[in-house]
Amino acid sequence: MNPSAPFEHRASDAGLTETLVRKVVMSFYEKVRQDPELGPVFADAIGDGWDSHIERIIQFWLTATRLGRGYDGRNFMPAHLRNPSVRASLLPRWLELFRETTAEHCSVQAASVLVDIAERMAETLQIGLDRRDCER
């Protein structure tokens, strides 16, 4: 697999499907909800809106892998920045659970594509959260 190839080719070459992406996201967020470090942060940020949140995140992943086009991405950063309990220090645990989940459900190639996207997203969040915290 060529890591510099466009995501739509990488996703299809890796065997990613909408069904698999949905399974990974749902399994991942089940772990997040049970995690002693991440669970309370997500519960505070999402409240009773888990169903809509999970569907929004599934749409993000389908769009990021070019398996769909349902996510517009306009509220990605502000949604994370406005909640002070969302901290950059949580990103390593988030990535650890995500890597674990992809390893459980995906081929090595499919997991690689999803983890690459997750790592890029975490880098972007890290920058935004660090900037937010420096301005306080």
C-alpha atoms as a PDB file:
ATOM      1  CA  MET A   1       0.000   0.000   0.000  1.00  0.00           C
ATOM      2  CA  ASN A   2       1.335   3.405  -0.948  1.00  0.00           C
ATOM      3  CA  PRO A   3       0.913   5.788   2.026  1.00  0.00           C
ATOM      4  CA  SER A   4       1.046   8.803  -0.270  1.00  0.00           C
ATOM      5  CA  ALA A   5      -1.801   7.535  -2.470  1.00  0.00           C
ATOM      6  CA  PRO A   6      -5.089   9.417  -2.165  1.00  0.00           C
ATOM      7  CA  PHE A   7      -7.264   8.164   0.687  1.00  0.00           C
ATOM      8  CA  GLU A   8      -9.989   6.869  -1.640  1.00  0.00           C
ATOM      9  CA  HIS A   9      -7.506   4.469  -3.213  1.00  0.00           C
ATOM     10  CA  ARG A  10      -5.895   3.569   0.100  1.00  0.00           C
ATOM     11  CA  ALA A  11      -9.298   2.863   1.665  1.00  0.00           C
ATOM     12  CA  SER A  12     -10.513   0.631  -1.144  1.00  0.00           C
ATOM     13  CA  ASP A  13      -7.126  -1.088  -1.497  1.00  0.00           C
ATOM     14  CA  ALA A  14      -7.189  -1.820   2.249  1.00  0.00           C
ATOM     15  CA  GLY A  15     -10.687  -3.303   2.130  1.00  0.00           C
ATOM     16  CA  LEU A  16     -12.390  -0.578   4.118  1.00  0.00           C
ATOM     17  CA  THR A  17     -16.151  -0.511   3.764  1.00  0.00           C
ATOM     18  CA  GLU A  18     -18.918   1.538   5.327  1.00  0.00           C
ATOM     19  CA  THR A  19     -19.917  -1.490   7.393  1.00  0.00           C
ATOM     20  CA  LEU A  20     -16.394  -1.894   8.763  1.00  0.00           C
ATOM     21  CA  VAL A  21     -16.032   1.816   9.541  1.00  0.00           C
ATOM     22  CA  ARG A  22     -19.347   1.779  11.413  1.00  0.00           C
ATOM     23  CA  LYS A  23     -18.249  -1.296  13.379  1.00  0.00           C
ATOM     24  CA  VAL A  24     -14.904   0.289  14.336  1.00  0.00           C
ATOM     25  CA  VAL A  25     -16.469   3.592  15.402  1.00  0.00           C
ATOM     26  CA  MET A  26     -19.197   1.948  17.461  1.00  0.00           C
ATOM     27  CA  SER A  27     -16.751  -0.424  19.146  1.00  0.00           C
ATOM     28  CA  PHE A  28     -14.277   2.386  19.794  1.00  0.00           C
ATOM     29  CA  TYR A  29     -16.858   4.642  21.436  1.00  0.00           C
ATOM     30  CA  GLU A  30     -18.099   1.776  23.571  1.00  0.00           C
ATOM     31  CA  LYS A  31     -14.539   1.526  24.910  1.00  0.00           C
ATOM     32  CA  VAL A  32     -14.329   5.307  25.329  1.00  0.00           C
ATOM     33  CA  ARG A  33     -17.519   5.333  27.369  1.00  0.00           C
ATOM     34  CA  GLN A  34     -16.104   2.673  29.700  1.00  0.00           C
ATOM     35  CA  ASP A  35     -12.637   4.208  29.968  1.00  0.00           C
ATOM     36  CA  PRO A  36     -11.960   5.787  33.392  1.00  0.00           C
ATOM     37  CA  GLU A  37      -9.957   8.647  31.845  1.00  0.00           C
ATOM     38  CA  LEU A  38     -11.919   9.404  28.674  1.00  0.00           C
ATOM     39  CA  GLY A  39     -15.425   8.311  29.674  1.00  0.00           C
ATOM     40  CA  PRO A  40     -16.194  11.209  32.025  1.00  0.00           C
ATOM     41  CA  VAL A  41     -14.854  13.782  29.544  1.00  0.00           C
ATOM     42  CA  PHE A  42     -16.995  12.446  26.728  1.00  0.00           C
ATOM     43  CA  ALA A  43     -20.035  12.085  29.000  1.00  0.00           C
ATOM     44  CA  ASP A  44     -19.650  15.742  30.020  1.00  0.00           C
ATOM     45  CA  ALA A  45     -19.217  16.924  26.446  1.00  0.00           C
ATOM     46  CA  ILE A  46     -21.907  14.764  24.827  1.00  0.00           C
ATOM     47  CA  GLY A  47     -24.467  14.288  27.574  1.00  0.00           C
ATOM     48  CA  ASP A  48     -27.501  12.444  26.233  1.00  0.00           C
ATOM     49  CA  GLY A  49     -26.514  13.016  22.612  1.00  0.00           C
ATOM     50  CA  TRP A  50     -24.556   9.802  22.063  1.00  0.00           C
ATOM     51  CA  ASP A  51     -26.616   8.520  19.136  1.00  0.00           C
ATOM     52  CA  SER A  52     -26.274  11.733  17.142  1.00  0.00           C
ATOM     53  CA  HIS A  53     -22.610  12.068  18.131  1.00  0.00           C
ATOM     54  CA  ILE A  54     -21.768   8.553  16.965  1.00  0.00           C
ATOM     55  CA  GLU A  55     -23.578   9.099  13.667  1.00  0.00           C
ATOM     56  CA  ARG A  56     -21.709  12.407  13.156  1.00  0.00           C
ATOM     57  CA  ILE A  57     -18.395  10.646  13.864  1.00  0.00           C
ATOM     58  CA  ILE A  58     -19.268   7.804  11.493  1.00  0.00           C
ATOM     59  CA  GLN A  59     -19.968  10.414   8.819  1.00  0.00           C
ATOM     60  CA  PHE A  60     -16.583  12.012   9.563  1.00  0.00           C
ATOM     61  CA  TRP A  61     -14.800   8.685   9.084  1.00  0.00           C
ATOM     62  CA  LEU A  62     -16.724   7.835   5.919  1.00  0.00           C
ATOM     63  CA  THR A  63     -15.855  11.246   4.495  1.00  0.00           C
ATOM     64  CA  ALA A  64     -12.194  11.026   5.604  1.00  0.00           C
ATOM     65  CA  THR A  65     -11.828   7.631   3.904  1.00  0.00           C
ATOM     66  CA  ARG A  66     -13.774   8.829   0.852  1.00  0.00           C
ATOM     67  CA  LEU A  67     -16.378   6.127   1.402  1.00  0.00           C
ATOM     68  CA  GLY A  68     -19.047   8.802   1.871  1.00  0.00           C
ATOM     69  CA  ARG A  69     -19.642  12.540   1.812  1.00  0.00           C
ATOM     70  CA  GLY A  70     -21.927  13.234   4.756  1.00  0.00           C
ATOM     71  CA  TYR A  71     -19.608  15.267   6.983  1.00  0.00           C
ATOM     72  CA  ASP A  72     -18.999  18.954   6.314  1.00  0.00           C
ATOM     73  CA  GLY A  73     -16.356  19.412   9.040  1.00  0.00           C
ATOM     74  CA  ARG A  74     -17.162  23.022   9.835  1.00  0.00           C
ATOM     75  CA  ASN A  75     -17.556  22.461  13.578  1.00  0.00           C
ATOM     76  CA  PHE A  76     -14.661  20.078  14.132  1.00  0.00           C
ATOM     77  CA  MET A  77     -12.262  22.324  16.034  1.00  0.00           C
ATOM     78  CA  PRO A  78     -14.686  24.674  17.827  1.00  0.00           C
ATOM     79  CA  ALA A  79     -16.641  21.716  19.203  1.00  0.00           C
ATOM     80  CA  HIS A  80     -13.483  20.448  20.904  1.00  0.00           C
ATOM     81  CA  LEU A  81     -12.109  23.830  21.962  1.00  0.00           C
ATOM     82  CA  ARG A  82     -15.197  25.085  23.745  1.00  0.00           C
ATOM     83  CA  ASN A  83     -15.131  22.284  26.322  1.00  0.00           C
ATOM     84  CA  PRO A  84     -12.345  22.855  28.880  1.00  0.00           C
ATOM     85  CA  SER A  85     -12.378  19.199  29.934  1.00  0.00           C
ATOM     86  CA  VAL A  86     -11.113  18.252  26.458  1.00  0.00           C
ATOM     87  CA  ARG A  87      -7.339  18.427  26.921  1.00  0.00           C
ATOM     88  CA  ALA A  88      -4.364  17.598  24.729  1.00  0.00           C
ATOM     89  CA  SER A  89      -3.080  15.271  27.449  1.00  0.00           C
ATOM     90  CA  LEU A  90      -5.996  12.919  26.655  1.00  0.00           C
ATOM     91  CA  LEU A  91      -4.981  12.413  23.035  1.00  0.00           C
ATOM     92  CA  PRO A  92      -2.447   9.605  23.674  1.00  0.00           C
ATOM     93  CA  ARG A  93      -5.120   7.552  25.472  1.00  0.00           C
ATOM     94  CA  TRP A  94      -7.635   8.292  22.706  1.00  0.00           C
ATOM     95  CA  LEU A  95      -5.127   7.094  20.103  1.00  0.00           C
ATOM     96  CA  GLU A  96      -4.239   4.028  22.167  1.00  0.00           C
ATOM     97  CA  LEU A  97      -7.884   2.928  22.311  1.00  0.00           C
ATOM     98  CA  PHE A  98      -8.357   3.702  18.636  1.00  0.00           C
ATOM     99  CA  ARG A  99      -5.310   1.662  17.619  1.00  0.00           C
ATOM    100  CA  GLU A 100      -6.490  -1.204  19.825  1.00  0.00           C
ATOM    101  CA  THR A 101      -9.950  -1.117  18.253  1.00  0.00           C
ATOM    102  CA  THR A 102      -8.694  -1.038  14.676  1.00  0.00           C
ATOM    103  CA  ALA A 103      -6.349  -3.959  15.416  1.00  0.00           C
ATOM    104  CA  GLU A 104      -9.304  -5.970  16.712  1.00  0.00           C
ATOM    105  CA  HIS A 105     -11.580  -5.345  13.738  1.00  0.00           C
ATOM    106  CA  CYS A 106      -9.412  -4.572  10.718  1.00  0.00           C
ATOM    107  CA  SER A 107      -6.738  -6.051   8.552  1.00  0.00           C
ATOM    108  CA  VAL A 108      -3.313  -4.531   9.085  1.00  0.00           C
ATOM    109  CA  GLN A 109      -3.792  -2.450   5.918  1.00  0.00           C
ATOM    110  CA  ALA A 110      -7.227  -1.147   6.907  1.00  0.00           C
ATOM    111  CA  ALA A 111      -6.053  -0.368  10.440  1.00  0.00           C
ATOM    112  CA  SER A 112      -3.088   1.529   8.992  1.00  0.00           C
ATOM    113  CA  VAL A 113      -5.353   3.780   6.922  1.00  0.00           C
ATOM    114  CA  LEU A 114      -7.650   4.546   9.858  1.00  0.00           C
ATOM    115  CA  VAL A 115      -4.813   5.103  12.319  1.00  0.00           C
ATOM    116  CA  ASP A 116      -3.087   7.444   9.872  1.00  0.00           C
ATOM    117  CA  ILE A 117      -6.219   9.581   9.729  1.00  0.00           C
ATOM    118  CA  ALA A 118      -6.597   9.449  13.526  1.00  0.00           C
ATOM    119  CA  GLU A 119      -2.995  10.517  14.068  1.00  0.00           C
ATOM    120  CA  ARG A 120      -3.395  13.465  11.696  1.00  0.00           C
ATOM    121  CA  MET A 121      -6.576  14.482  13.468  1.00  0.00           C
ATOM    122  CA  ALA A 122      -4.855  14.190  16.858  1.00  0.00           C
ATOM    123  CA  GLU A 123      -2.006  16.415  15.644  1.00  0.00           C
ATOM    124  CA  THR A 124      -4.491  19.046  14.524  1.00  0.00           C
ATOM    125  CA  LEU A 125      -6.374  18.841  17.826  1.00  0.00           C
ATOM    126  CA  GLN A 126      -3.110  19.043  19.779  1.00  0.00           C
ATOM    127  CA  ILE A 127      -2.217  22.307  18.056  1.00  0.00           C
ATOM    128  CA  GLY A 128      -5.665  23.802  18.642  1.00  0.00           C
ATOM    129  CA  LEU A 129      -5.904  22.681  22.261  1.00  0.00           C
ATOM    130  CA  ASP A 130      -2.374  23.867  23.067  1.00  0.00           C
ATOM    131  CA  ARG A 131      -3.152  27.242  21.514  1.00  0.00           C
ATOM    132  CA  ARG A 132      -6.409  27.471  23.475  1.00  0.00           C
ATOM    133  CA  ASP A 133      -4.683  26.617  26.741  1.00  0.00           C
ATOM    134  CA  CYS A 134      -1.865  29.158  26.145  1.00  0.00           C
ATOM    135  CA  GLU A 135      -4.433  31.909  25.638  1.00  0.00           C
ATOM    136  CA  ARG A 136      -6.034  31.300  29.016  1.00  0.00           C
END
